């Protein structure tokens, strides 16, 4: 988590780039309802300021870590590996990894 070490110094002033959510109308956007989508987009396409914005929205690094581990399902193996390293998550504990294993098992039958 060394890449996020400056977050605590600037807590509360970051925003997520609205371009990450290009297909949504953000006027009445429910940031809590769509938290999985927001965190997926930040992982896939976000800059460090987008990560900090997600931390501000979802309860800090722990909040984003919980969403990433328990809710995110649509990541490439490379994105999943980055997420796990950045947030210090065991890859086997993620929903994304478990879903991928189930798909492989289902397709091999």
PDB file of N, CA and C in Angstrom:
ATOM      1  N   UNK A   1       0.810  -1.193   0.000  1.00  0.00           N
ATOM      2  CA  UNK A   1       0.000   0.000   0.000  1.00  0.00           C
ATOM      3  C   UNK A   1       0.854   1.258   0.000  1.00  0.00           C
ATOM      4  N   UNK A   2       2.095   1.144  -0.330  1.00  0.00           N
ATOM      5  CA  UNK A   2       2.957   2.323  -0.319  1.00  0.00           C
ATOM      6  C   UNK A   2       2.531   3.344  -1.358  1.00  0.00           C
ATOM      7  N   UNK A   3       1.851   2.917  -2.408  1.00  0.00           N
ATOM      8  CA  UNK A   3       1.439   3.890  -3.417  1.00  0.00           C
ATOM      9  C   UNK A   3       0.370   4.834  -2.889  1.00  0.00           C
ATOM     10  N   UNK A   4      -0.283   4.456  -1.800  1.00  0.00           N
ATOM     11  CA  UNK A   4      -1.344   5.279  -1.228  1.00  0.00           C
ATOM     12  C   UNK A   4      -0.898   6.044   0.009  1.00  0.00           C
ATOM     13  N   UNK A   5       0.384   6.135   0.271  1.00  0.00           N
ATOM     14  CA  UNK A   5       0.862   6.742   1.501  1.00  0.00           C
ATOM     15  C   UNK A   5       0.531   8.222   1.611  1.00  0.00           C
ATOM     16  N   UNK A   6       0.362   8.940   0.517  1.00  0.00           N
ATOM     17  CA  UNK A   6       0.037  10.357   0.602  1.00  0.00           C
ATOM     18  C   UNK A   6      -1.453  10.597   0.827  1.00  0.00           C
ATOM     19  N   UNK A   7      -2.272   9.568   0.753  1.00  0.00           N
ATOM     20  CA  UNK A   7      -3.716   9.746   0.900  1.00  0.00           C
ATOM     21  C   UNK A   7      -4.094  10.349   2.240  1.00  0.00           C
ATOM     22  N   UNK A   8      -3.544   9.884   3.312  1.00  0.00           N
ATOM     23  CA  UNK A   8      -3.953  10.353   4.634  1.00  0.00           C
ATOM     24  C   UNK A   8      -3.659  11.838   4.828  1.00  0.00           C
ATOM     25  N   UNK A   9      -2.673  12.356   4.109  1.00  0.00           N
ATOM     26  CA  UNK A   9      -2.317  13.766   4.241  1.00  0.00           C
ATOM     27  C   UNK A   9      -3.353  14.678   3.581  1.00  0.00           C
ATOM     28  N   UNK A  10      -4.041  14.183   2.572  1.00  0.00           N
ATOM     29  CA  UNK A  10      -4.947  15.026   1.800  1.00  0.00           C
ATOM     30  C   UNK A  10      -6.384  14.519   1.852  1.00  0.00           C
ATOM     31  N   UNK A  11      -6.736  13.820   2.876  1.00  0.00           N
ATOM     32  CA  UNK A  11      -8.041  13.183   2.994  1.00  0.00           C
ATOM     33  C   UNK A  11      -9.198  14.172   2.865  1.00  0.00           C
ATOM     34  N   UNK A  12     -10.198  13.794   2.060  1.00  0.00           N
ATOM     35  CA  UNK A  12     -11.418  14.560   1.956  1.00  0.00           C
ATOM     36  C   UNK A  12     -11.512  15.554   0.811  1.00  0.00           C
ATOM     37  N   UNK A  13     -10.471  15.686   0.003  1.00  0.00           N
ATOM     38  CA  UNK A  13     -10.545  16.701  -1.044  1.00  0.00           C
ATOM     39  C   UNK A  13     -10.503  16.136  -2.461  1.00  0.00           C
ATOM     40  N   UNK A  14     -10.556  14.830  -2.620  1.00  0.00           N
ATOM     41  CA  UNK A  14     -10.439  14.207  -3.937  1.00  0.00           C
ATOM     42  C   UNK A  14     -11.799  13.864  -4.526  1.00  0.00           C
ATOM     43  N   UNK A  15     -11.863  13.885  -5.834  1.00  0.00           N
ATOM     44  CA  UNK A  15     -13.066  13.516  -6.575  1.00  0.00           C
ATOM     45  C   UNK A  15     -12.694  12.483  -7.625  1.00  0.00           C
ATOM     46  N   UNK A  16     -13.663  11.664  -7.998  1.00  0.00           N
ATOM     47  CA  UNK A  16     -13.468  10.690  -9.067  1.00  0.00           C
ATOM     48  C   UNK A  16     -13.744  11.380 -10.399  1.00  0.00           C
ATOM     49  N   UNK A  17     -12.884  11.145 -11.360  1.00  0.00           N
ATOM     50  CA  UNK A  17     -13.054  11.689 -12.701  1.00  0.00           C
ATOM     51  C   UNK A  17     -14.353  11.146 -13.294  1.00  0.00           C
ATOM     52  N   UNK A  18     -15.258  12.019 -13.638  1.00  0.00           N
ATOM     53  CA  UNK A  18     -16.564  11.606 -14.159  1.00  0.00           C
ATOM     54  C   UNK A  18     -16.460  10.913 -15.505  1.00  0.00           C
ATOM     55  N   UNK A  19     -15.347  11.079 -16.191  1.00  0.00           N
ATOM     56  CA  UNK A  19     -15.115  10.389 -17.454  1.00  0.00           C
ATOM     57  C   UNK A  19     -15.024   8.882 -17.294  1.00  0.00           C
ATOM     58  N   UNK A  20     -14.724   8.416 -16.076  1.00  0.00           N
ATOM     59  CA  UNK A  20     -14.682   6.969 -15.827  1.00  0.00           C
ATOM     60  C   UNK A  20     -16.066   6.339 -15.906  1.00  0.00           C
ATOM     61  N   UNK A  21     -17.094   7.149 -15.738  1.00  0.00           N
ATOM     62  CA  UNK A  21     -18.480   6.667 -15.748  1.00  0.00           C
ATOM     63  C   UNK A  21     -19.205   7.264 -16.946  1.00  0.00           C
ATOM     64  N   UNK A  22     -18.595   7.155 -18.102  1.00  0.00           N
ATOM     65  CA  UNK A  22     -19.051   7.841 -19.312  1.00  0.00           C
ATOM     66  C   UNK A  22     -20.483   7.538 -19.710  1.00  0.00           C
ATOM     67  N   UNK A  23     -20.989   6.339 -19.446  1.00  0.00           N
ATOM     68  CA  UNK A  23     -22.328   5.990 -19.918  1.00  0.00           C
ATOM     69  C   UNK A  23     -23.440   6.307 -18.924  1.00  0.00           C
ATOM     70  N   UNK A  24     -23.095   6.857 -17.782  1.00  0.00           N
ATOM     71  CA  UNK A  24     -24.082   7.178 -16.756  1.00  0.00           C
ATOM     72  C   UNK A  24     -24.352   8.677 -16.712  1.00  0.00           C
ATOM     73  N   UNK A  25     -25.600   9.026 -16.431  1.00  0.00           N
ATOM     74  CA  UNK A  25     -25.956  10.414 -16.170  1.00  0.00           C
ATOM     75  C   UNK A  25     -25.673  10.659 -14.685  1.00  0.00           C
ATOM     76  N   UNK A  26     -24.756  11.526 -14.401  1.00  0.00           N
ATOM     77  CA  UNK A  26     -24.304  11.691 -13.019  1.00  0.00           C
ATOM     78  C   UNK A  26     -25.105  12.713 -12.230  1.00  0.00           C
ATOM     79  N   UNK A  27     -26.144  13.279 -12.832  1.00  0.00           N
ATOM     80  CA  UNK A  27     -26.979  14.247 -12.135  1.00  0.00           C
ATOM     81  C   UNK A  27     -27.599  13.663 -10.878  1.00  0.00           C
ATOM     82  N   UNK A  28     -28.202  12.515 -10.975  1.00  0.00           N
ATOM     83  CA  UNK A  28     -28.813  11.858  -9.824  1.00  0.00           C
ATOM     84  C   UNK A  28     -28.167  10.514  -9.536  1.00  0.00           C
ATOM     85  N   UNK A  29     -26.900  10.396  -9.852  1.00  0.00           N
ATOM     86  CA  UNK A  29     -26.176   9.131  -9.722  1.00  0.00           C
ATOM     87  C   UNK A  29     -26.097   8.701  -8.262  1.00  0.00           C
ATOM     88  N   UNK A  30     -26.449   7.458  -7.999  1.00  0.00           N
ATOM     89  CA  UNK A  30     -26.398   6.898  -6.647  1.00  0.00           C
ATOM     90  C   UNK A  30     -25.034   6.223  -6.454  1.00  0.00           C
ATOM     91  N   UNK A  31     -24.117   6.942  -5.834  1.00  0.00           N
ATOM     92  CA  UNK A  31     -22.740   6.466  -5.684  1.00  0.00           C
ATOM     93  C   UNK A  31     -22.661   5.217  -4.811  1.00  0.00           C
ATOM     94  N   UNK A  32     -23.577   5.037  -3.875  1.00  0.00           N
ATOM     95  CA  UNK A  32     -23.567   3.840  -3.030  1.00  0.00           C
ATOM     96  C   UNK A  32     -24.127   2.631  -3.772  1.00  0.00           C
ATOM     97  N   UNK A  33     -25.209   2.842  -4.494  1.00  0.00           N
ATOM     98  CA  UNK A  33     -25.831   1.742  -5.236  1.00  0.00           C
ATOM     99  C   UNK A  33     -24.883   1.178  -6.296  1.00  0.00           C
ATOM    100  N   UNK A  34     -24.137   2.044  -6.944  1.00  0.00           N
ATOM    101  CA  UNK A  34     -23.243   1.630  -8.020  1.00  0.00           C
ATOM    102  C   UNK A  34     -21.781   1.569  -7.583  1.00  0.00           C
ATOM    103  N   UNK A  35     -21.539   1.316  -6.316  1.00  0.00           N
ATOM    104  CA  UNK A  35     -20.170   1.308  -5.797  1.00  0.00           C
ATOM    105  C   UNK A  35     -19.286   0.260  -6.469  1.00  0.00           C
ATOM    106  N   UNK A  36     -19.865  -0.885  -6.825  1.00  0.00           N
ATOM    107  CA  UNK A  36     -19.079  -1.925  -7.498  1.00  0.00           C
ATOM    108  C   UNK A  36     -18.576  -1.418  -8.849  1.00  0.00           C
ATOM    109  N   UNK A  37     -19.447  -0.780  -9.601  1.00  0.00           N
ATOM    110  CA  UNK A  37     -19.072  -0.244 -10.906  1.00  0.00           C
ATOM    111  C   UNK A  37     -17.999   0.828 -10.746  1.00  0.00           C
ATOM    112  N   UNK A  38     -18.189   1.705  -9.789  1.00  0.00           N
ATOM    113  CA  UNK A  38     -17.234   2.796  -9.565  1.00  0.00           C
ATOM    114  C   UNK A  38     -15.862   2.223  -9.215  1.00  0.00           C
ATOM    115  N   UNK A  39     -15.805   1.276  -8.298  1.00  0.00           N
ATOM    116  CA  UNK A  39     -14.520   0.707  -7.887  1.00  0.00           C
ATOM    117  C   UNK A  39     -13.884  -0.071  -9.041  1.00  0.00           C
ATOM    118  N   UNK A  40     -14.674  -0.804  -9.816  1.00  0.00           N
ATOM    119  CA  UNK A  40     -14.125  -1.501 -10.985  1.00  0.00           C
ATOM    120  C   UNK A  40     -13.491  -0.528 -11.955  1.00  0.00           C
ATOM    121  N   UNK A  41     -14.180   0.570 -12.234  1.00  0.00           N
ATOM    122  CA  UNK A  41     -13.651   1.560 -13.178  1.00  0.00           C
ATOM    123  C   UNK A  41     -12.383   2.214 -12.648  1.00  0.00           C
ATOM    124  N   UNK A  42     -12.350   2.485 -11.365  1.00  0.00           N
ATOM    125  CA  UNK A  42     -11.146   3.076 -10.770  1.00  0.00           C
ATOM    126  C   UNK A  42      -9.982   2.101 -10.894  1.00  0.00           C
ATOM    127  N   UNK A  43     -10.225   0.829 -10.640  1.00  0.00           N
ATOM    128  CA  UNK A  43      -9.168  -0.174 -10.764  1.00  0.00           C
ATOM    129  C   UNK A  43      -8.700  -0.279 -12.211  1.00  0.00           C
ATOM    130  N   UNK A  44      -9.628  -0.306 -13.145  1.00  0.00           N
ATOM    131  CA  UNK A  44      -9.282  -0.492 -14.557  1.00  0.00           C
ATOM    132  C   UNK A  44      -8.639   0.734 -15.192  1.00  0.00           C
ATOM    133  N   UNK A  45      -9.214   1.904 -14.944  1.00  0.00           N
ATOM    134  CA  UNK A  45      -8.832   3.086 -15.705  1.00  0.00           C
ATOM    135  C   UNK A  45      -8.389   4.281 -14.865  1.00  0.00           C
ATOM    136  N   UNK A  46      -8.501   4.185 -13.550  1.00  0.00           N
ATOM    137  CA  UNK A  46      -8.303   5.352 -12.708  1.00  0.00           C
ATOM    138  C   UNK A  46      -6.864   5.751 -12.491  1.00  0.00           C
ATOM    139  N   UNK A  47      -6.703   7.023 -12.263  1.00  0.00           N
ATOM    140  CA  UNK A  47      -5.422   7.588 -11.840  1.00  0.00           C
ATOM    141  C   UNK A  47      -5.389   7.567 -10.322  1.00  0.00           C
ATOM    142  N   UNK A  48      -4.264   7.940  -9.766  1.00  0.00           N
ATOM    143  CA  UNK A  48      -4.134   7.923  -8.307  1.00  0.00           C
ATOM    144  C   UNK A  48      -5.164   8.844  -7.659  1.00  0.00           C
ATOM    145  N   UNK A  49      -5.485   9.963  -8.287  1.00  0.00           N
ATOM    146  CA  UNK A  49      -6.486  10.872  -7.725  1.00  0.00           C
ATOM    147  C   UNK A  49      -7.879  10.222  -7.715  1.00  0.00           C
ATOM    148  N   UNK A  50      -8.159   9.337  -8.679  1.00  0.00           N
ATOM    149  CA  UNK A  50      -9.436   8.614  -8.691  1.00  0.00           C
ATOM    150  C   UNK A  50      -9.484   7.598  -7.549  1.00  0.00           C
ATOM    151  N   UNK A  51      -8.353   6.947  -7.295  1.00  0.00           N
ATOM    152  CA  UNK A  51      -8.288   6.036  -6.147  1.00  0.00           C
ATOM    153  C   UNK A  51      -8.576   6.811  -4.859  1.00  0.00           C
ATOM    154  N   UNK A  52      -7.958   7.965  -4.709  1.00  0.00           N
ATOM    155  CA  UNK A  52      -8.173   8.774  -3.511  1.00  0.00           C
ATOM    156  C   UNK A  52      -9.627   9.223  -3.415  1.00  0.00           C
ATOM    157  N   UNK A  53     -10.232   9.551  -4.546  1.00  0.00           N
ATOM    158  CA  UNK A  53     -11.650   9.907  -4.554  1.00  0.00           C
ATOM    159  C   UNK A  53     -12.521   8.749  -4.104  1.00  0.00           C
ATOM    160  N   UNK A  54     -12.186   7.542  -4.545  1.00  0.00           N
ATOM    161  CA  UNK A  54     -12.920   6.345  -4.106  1.00  0.00           C
ATOM    162  C   UNK A  54     -12.734   6.127  -2.607  1.00  0.00           C
ATOM    163  N   UNK A  55     -11.521   6.359  -2.120  1.00  0.00           N
ATOM    164  CA  UNK A  55     -11.287   6.228  -0.678  1.00  0.00           C
ATOM    165  C   UNK A  55     -12.169   7.206   0.093  1.00  0.00           C
ATOM    166  N   UNK A  56     -12.279   8.435  -0.399  1.00  0.00           N
ATOM    167  CA  UNK A  56     -13.114   9.433   0.267  1.00  0.00           C
ATOM    168  C   UNK A  56     -14.582   9.022   0.253  1.00  0.00           C
ATOM    169  N   UNK A  57     -15.034   8.447  -0.850  1.00  0.00           N
ATOM    170  CA  UNK A  57     -16.446   8.057  -0.986  1.00  0.00           C
ATOM    171  C   UNK A  57     -16.824   6.829  -0.167  1.00  0.00           C
ATOM    172  N   UNK A  58     -15.925   5.862  -0.084  1.00  0.00           N
ATOM    173  CA  UNK A  58     -16.301   4.554   0.438  1.00  0.00           C
ATOM    174  C   UNK A  58     -15.595   4.153   1.727  1.00  0.00           C
ATOM    175  N   UNK A  59     -15.203   5.097   2.532  1.00  0.00           N
ATOM    176  CA  UNK A  59     -14.689   4.770   3.859  1.00  0.00           C
ATOM    177  C   UNK A  59     -13.215   4.465   3.920  1.00  0.00           C
ATOM    178  N   UNK A  60     -12.435   5.145   3.122  1.00  0.00           N
ATOM    179  CA  UNK A  60     -10.995   4.978   3.172  1.00  0.00           C
ATOM    180  C   UNK A  60     -10.516   3.733   2.455  1.00  0.00           C
ATOM    181  N   UNK A  61      -9.267   3.402   2.689  1.00  0.00           N
ATOM    182  CA  UNK A  61      -8.656   2.250   2.033  1.00  0.00           C
ATOM    183  C   UNK A  61      -9.383   0.972   2.434  1.00  0.00           C
ATOM    184  N   UNK A  62      -9.765   0.854   3.691  1.00  0.00           N
ATOM    185  CA  UNK A  62     -10.483  -0.348   4.152  1.00  0.00           C
ATOM    186  C   UNK A  62     -11.813  -0.534   3.444  1.00  0.00           C
ATOM    187  N   UNK A  63     -12.549   0.555   3.242  1.00  0.00           N
ATOM    188  CA  UNK A  63     -13.836   0.475   2.562  1.00  0.00           C
ATOM    189  C   UNK A  63     -13.702   0.028   1.123  1.00  0.00           C
ATOM    190  N   UNK A  64     -12.743   0.607   0.404  1.00  0.00           N
ATOM    191  CA  UNK A  64     -12.513   0.219  -0.992  1.00  0.00           C
ATOM    192  C   UNK A  64     -12.005  -1.213  -1.053  1.00  0.00           C
ATOM    193  N   UNK A  65     -11.166  -1.583  -0.116  1.00  0.00           N
ATOM    194  CA  UNK A  65     -10.642  -2.946  -0.070  1.00  0.00           C
ATOM    195  C   UNK A  65     -11.776  -3.957   0.098  1.00  0.00           C
ATOM    196  N   UNK A  66     -12.728  -3.664   0.943  1.00  0.00           N
ATOM    197  CA  UNK A  66     -13.864  -4.557   1.168  1.00  0.00           C
ATOM    198  C   UNK A  66     -14.719  -4.672  -0.096  1.00  0.00           C
ATOM    199  N   UNK A  67     -14.993  -3.548  -0.753  1.00  0.00           N
ATOM    200  CA  UNK A  67     -15.768  -3.576  -1.995  1.00  0.00           C
ATOM    201  C   UNK A  67     -15.011  -4.361  -3.061  1.00  0.00           C
ATOM    202  N   UNK A  68     -13.725  -4.095  -3.191  1.00  0.00           N
ATOM    203  CA  UNK A  68     -12.904  -4.775  -4.198  1.00  0.00           C
ATOM    204  C   UNK A  68     -12.862  -6.281  -3.949  1.00  0.00           C
ATOM    205  N   UNK A  69     -12.735  -6.683  -2.722  1.00  0.00           N
ATOM    206  CA  UNK A  69     -12.648  -8.101  -2.378  1.00  0.00           C
ATOM    207  C   UNK A  69     -13.986  -8.818  -2.521  1.00  0.00           C
ATOM    208  N   UNK A  70     -15.071  -8.183  -2.062  1.00  0.00           N
ATOM    209  CA  UNK A  70     -16.351  -8.870  -1.940  1.00  0.00           C
ATOM    210  C   UNK A  70     -17.328  -8.636  -3.083  1.00  0.00           C
ATOM    211  N   UNK A  71     -17.145  -7.578  -3.874  1.00  0.00           N
ATOM    212  CA  UNK A  71     -18.163  -7.229  -4.868  1.00  0.00           C
ATOM    213  C   UNK A  71     -17.666  -7.187  -6.309  1.00  0.00           C
ATOM    214  N   UNK A  72     -16.428  -6.794  -6.519  1.00  0.00           N
ATOM    215  CA  UNK A  72     -15.914  -6.636  -7.885  1.00  0.00           C
ATOM    216  C   UNK A  72     -15.764  -8.005  -8.550  1.00  0.00           C
ATOM    217  N   UNK A  73     -16.301  -8.128  -9.785  1.00  0.00           N
ATOM    218  CA  UNK A  73     -16.247  -9.414 -10.496  1.00  0.00           C
ATOM    219  C   UNK A  73     -15.688  -9.326 -11.911  1.00  0.00           C
ATOM    220  N   UNK A  74     -15.608  -8.158 -12.485  1.00  0.00           N
ATOM    221  CA  UNK A  74     -15.263  -8.039 -13.897  1.00  0.00           C
ATOM    222  C   UNK A  74     -13.895  -7.399 -14.101  1.00  0.00           C
ATOM    223  N   UNK A  75     -12.840  -8.172 -13.824  1.00  0.00           N
ATOM    224  CA  UNK A  75     -11.479  -7.696 -14.019  1.00  0.00           C
ATOM    225  C   UNK A  75     -10.686  -8.717 -14.812  1.00  0.00           C
ATOM    226  N   UNK A  76      -9.755  -8.242 -15.597  1.00  0.00           N
ATOM    227  CA  UNK A  76      -8.832  -9.145 -16.288  1.00  0.00           C
ATOM    228  C   UNK A  76      -7.853  -9.704 -15.245  1.00  0.00           C
ATOM    229  N   UNK A  77      -7.153 -10.781 -15.563  1.00  0.00           N
ATOM    230  CA  UNK A  77      -6.158 -11.290 -14.610  1.00  0.00           C
ATOM    231  C   UNK A  77      -5.111 -10.237 -14.221  1.00  0.00           C
ATOM    232  N   UNK A  78      -4.717  -9.410 -15.169  1.00  0.00           N
ATOM    233  CA  UNK A  78      -3.736  -8.366 -14.875  1.00  0.00           C
ATOM    234  C   UNK A  78      -4.306  -7.323 -13.918  1.00  0.00           C
ATOM    235  N   UNK A  79      -5.537  -6.895 -14.155  1.00  0.00           N
ATOM    236  CA  UNK A  79      -6.188  -5.921 -13.280  1.00  0.00           C
ATOM    237  C   UNK A  79      -6.414  -6.507 -11.885  1.00  0.00           C
ATOM    238  N   UNK A  80      -6.795  -7.777 -11.829  1.00  0.00           N
ATOM    239  CA  UNK A  80      -7.005  -8.440 -10.545  1.00  0.00           C
ATOM    240  C   UNK A  80      -5.699  -8.500  -9.756  1.00  0.00           C
ATOM    241  N   UNK A  81      -4.618  -8.849 -10.428  1.00  0.00           N
ATOM    242  CA  UNK A  81      -3.313  -8.915  -9.764  1.00  0.00           C
ATOM    243  C   UNK A  81      -2.901  -7.539  -9.229  1.00  0.00           C
ATOM    244  N   UNK A  82      -3.110  -6.491 -10.034  1.00  0.00           N
ATOM    245  CA  UNK A  82      -2.776  -5.144  -9.582  1.00  0.00           C
ATOM    246  C   UNK A  82      -3.603  -4.761  -8.361  1.00  0.00           C
ATOM    247  N   UNK A  83      -4.914  -5.013  -8.438  1.00  0.00           N
ATOM    248  CA  UNK A  83      -5.801  -4.681  -7.323  1.00  0.00           C
ATOM    249  C   UNK A  83      -5.332  -5.371  -6.041  1.00  0.00           C
ATOM    250  N   UNK A  84      -5.016  -6.642  -6.142  1.00  0.00           N
ATOM    251  CA  UNK A  84      -4.602  -7.398  -4.959  1.00  0.00           C
ATOM    252  C   UNK A  84      -3.292  -6.875  -4.383  1.00  0.00           C
ATOM    253  N   UNK A  85      -2.364  -6.533  -5.253  1.00  0.00           N
ATOM    254  CA  UNK A  85      -1.089  -5.985  -4.764  1.00  0.00           C
ATOM    255  C   UNK A  85      -1.268  -4.592  -4.171  1.00  0.00           C
ATOM    256  N   UNK A  86      -2.057  -3.762  -4.833  1.00  0.00           N
ATOM    257  CA  UNK A  86      -2.237  -2.388  -4.367  1.00  0.00           C
ATOM    258  C   UNK A  86      -2.963  -2.336  -3.034  1.00  0.00           C
ATOM    259  N   UNK A  87      -3.948  -3.222  -2.852  1.00  0.00           N
ATOM    260  CA  UNK A  87      -4.769  -3.191  -1.640  1.00  0.00           C
ATOM    261  C   UNK A  87      -4.385  -4.269  -0.625  1.00  0.00           C
ATOM    262  N   UNK A  88      -3.342  -5.029  -0.924  1.00  0.00           N
ATOM    263  CA  UNK A  88      -2.863  -6.082  -0.029  1.00  0.00           C
ATOM    264  C   UNK A  88      -3.973  -7.095   0.282  1.00  0.00           C
ATOM    265  N   UNK A  89      -4.525  -7.662  -0.793  1.00  0.00           N
ATOM    266  CA  UNK A  89      -5.587  -8.664  -0.690  1.00  0.00           C
ATOM    267  C   UNK A  89      -5.046  -9.979  -1.230  1.00  0.00           C
ATOM    268  N   UNK A  90      -5.374 -11.076  -0.572  1.00  0.00           N
ATOM    269  CA  UNK A  90      -5.028 -12.395  -1.080  1.00  0.00           C
ATOM    270  C   UNK A  90      -5.946 -12.686  -2.272  1.00  0.00           C
ATOM    271  N   UNK A  91      -5.377 -13.004  -3.407  1.00  0.00           N
ATOM    272  CA  UNK A  91      -6.152 -13.165  -4.632  1.00  0.00           C
ATOM    273  C   UNK A  91      -7.237 -14.233  -4.499  1.00  0.00           C
ATOM    274  N   UNK A  92      -6.966 -15.295  -3.763  1.00  0.00           N
ATOM    275  CA  UNK A  92      -7.947 -16.366  -3.595  1.00  0.00           C
ATOM    276  C   UNK A  92      -9.159 -15.937  -2.769  1.00  0.00           C
ATOM    277  N   UNK A  93      -9.052 -14.850  -2.062  1.00  0.00           N
ATOM    278  CA  UNK A  93     -10.160 -14.352  -1.244  1.00  0.00           C
ATOM    279  C   UNK A  93     -11.119 -13.448  -2.008  1.00  0.00           C
ATOM    280  N   UNK A  94     -10.791 -13.104  -3.245  1.00  0.00           N
ATOM    281  CA  UNK A  94     -11.614 -12.165  -3.999  1.00  0.00           C
ATOM    282  C   UNK A  94     -12.758 -12.873  -4.714  1.00  0.00           C
ATOM    283  N   UNK A  95     -13.848 -12.192  -4.815  1.00  0.00           N
ATOM    284  CA  UNK A  95     -15.009 -12.717  -5.543  1.00  0.00           C
ATOM    285  C   UNK A  95     -14.673 -12.876  -7.028  1.00  0.00           C
ATOM    286  N   UNK A  96     -13.895 -11.964  -7.544  1.00  0.00           N
ATOM    287  CA  UNK A  96     -13.506 -12.007  -8.953  1.00  0.00           C
ATOM    288  C   UNK A  96     -12.750 -13.303  -9.269  1.00  0.00           C
ATOM    289  N   UNK A  97     -11.806 -13.670  -8.431  1.00  0.00           N
ATOM    290  CA  UNK A  97     -11.034 -14.902  -8.624  1.00  0.00           C
ATOM    291  C   UNK A  97     -11.942 -16.123  -8.517  1.00  0.00           C
ATOM    292  N   UNK A  98     -12.815 -16.141  -7.520  1.00  0.00           N
ATOM    293  CA  UNK A  98     -13.719 -17.272  -7.330  1.00  0.00           C
ATOM    294  C   UNK A  98     -14.654 -17.442  -8.524  1.00  0.00           C
ATOM    295  N   UNK A  99     -15.161 -16.324  -9.057  1.00  0.00           N
ATOM    296  CA  UNK A  99     -16.031 -16.375 -10.233  1.00  0.00           C
ATOM    297  C   UNK A  99     -15.276 -16.940 -11.433  1.00  0.00           C
ATOM    298  N   UNK A 100     -14.033 -16.527 -11.622  1.00  0.00           N
ATOM    299  CA  UNK A 100     -13.219 -17.019 -12.733  1.00  0.00           C
ATOM    300  C   UNK A 100     -12.992 -18.517 -12.610  1.00  0.00           C
ATOM    301  N   UNK A 101     -12.752 -18.988 -11.388  1.00  0.00           N
ATOM    302  CA  UNK A 101     -12.557 -20.425 -11.178  1.00  0.00           C
ATOM    303  C   UNK A 101     -13.834 -21.207 -11.492  1.00  0.00           C
ATOM    304  N   UNK A 102     -14.977 -20.676 -11.099  1.00  0.00           N
ATOM    305  CA  UNK A 102     -16.249 -21.339 -11.401  1.00  0.00           C
ATOM    306  C   UNK A 102     -16.505 -21.379 -12.910  1.00  0.00           C
ATOM    307  N   UNK A 103     -16.178 -20.306 -13.616  1.00  0.00           N
ATOM    308  CA  UNK A 103     -16.353 -20.286 -15.078  1.00  0.00           C
ATOM    309  C   UNK A 103     -15.471 -21.331 -15.734  1.00  0.00           C
ATOM    310  N   UNK A 104     -14.213 -21.415 -15.312  1.00  0.00           N
ATOM    311  CA  UNK A 104     -13.295 -22.417 -15.870  1.00  0.00           C
ATOM    312  C   UNK A 104     -13.806 -23.827 -15.611  1.00  0.00           C
ATOM    313  N   UNK A 105     -14.277 -24.055 -14.402  1.00  0.00           N
ATOM    314  CA  UNK A 105     -14.791 -25.369 -14.039  1.00  0.00           C
ATOM    315  C   UNK A 105     -16.012 -25.706 -14.878  1.00  0.00           C
ATOM    316  N   UNK A 106     -16.888 -24.758 -15.061  1.00  0.00           N
ATOM    317  CA  UNK A 106     -18.110 -24.966 -15.840  1.00  0.00           C
ATOM    318  C   UNK A 106     -17.779 -25.227 -17.307  1.00  0.00           C
ATOM    319  N   UNK A 107     -16.836 -24.505 -17.862  1.00  0.00           N
ATOM    320  CA  UNK A 107     -16.482 -24.657 -19.278  1.00  0.00           C
ATOM    321  C   UNK A 107     -15.703 -25.922 -19.564  1.00  0.00           C
ATOM    322  N   UNK A 108     -15.061 -26.485 -18.554  1.00  0.00           N
ATOM    323  CA  UNK A 108     -14.264 -27.700 -18.780  1.00  0.00           C
ATOM    324  C   UNK A 108     -15.108 -28.973 -18.760  1.00  0.00           C
ATOM    325  N   UNK A 109     -16.367 -28.867 -18.412  1.00  0.00           N
ATOM    326  CA  UNK A 109     -17.248 -30.043 -18.368  1.00  0.00           C
ATOM    327  C   UNK A 109     -17.688 -30.461 -19.749  1.00  0.00           C
TER     328      UNK A 109
END
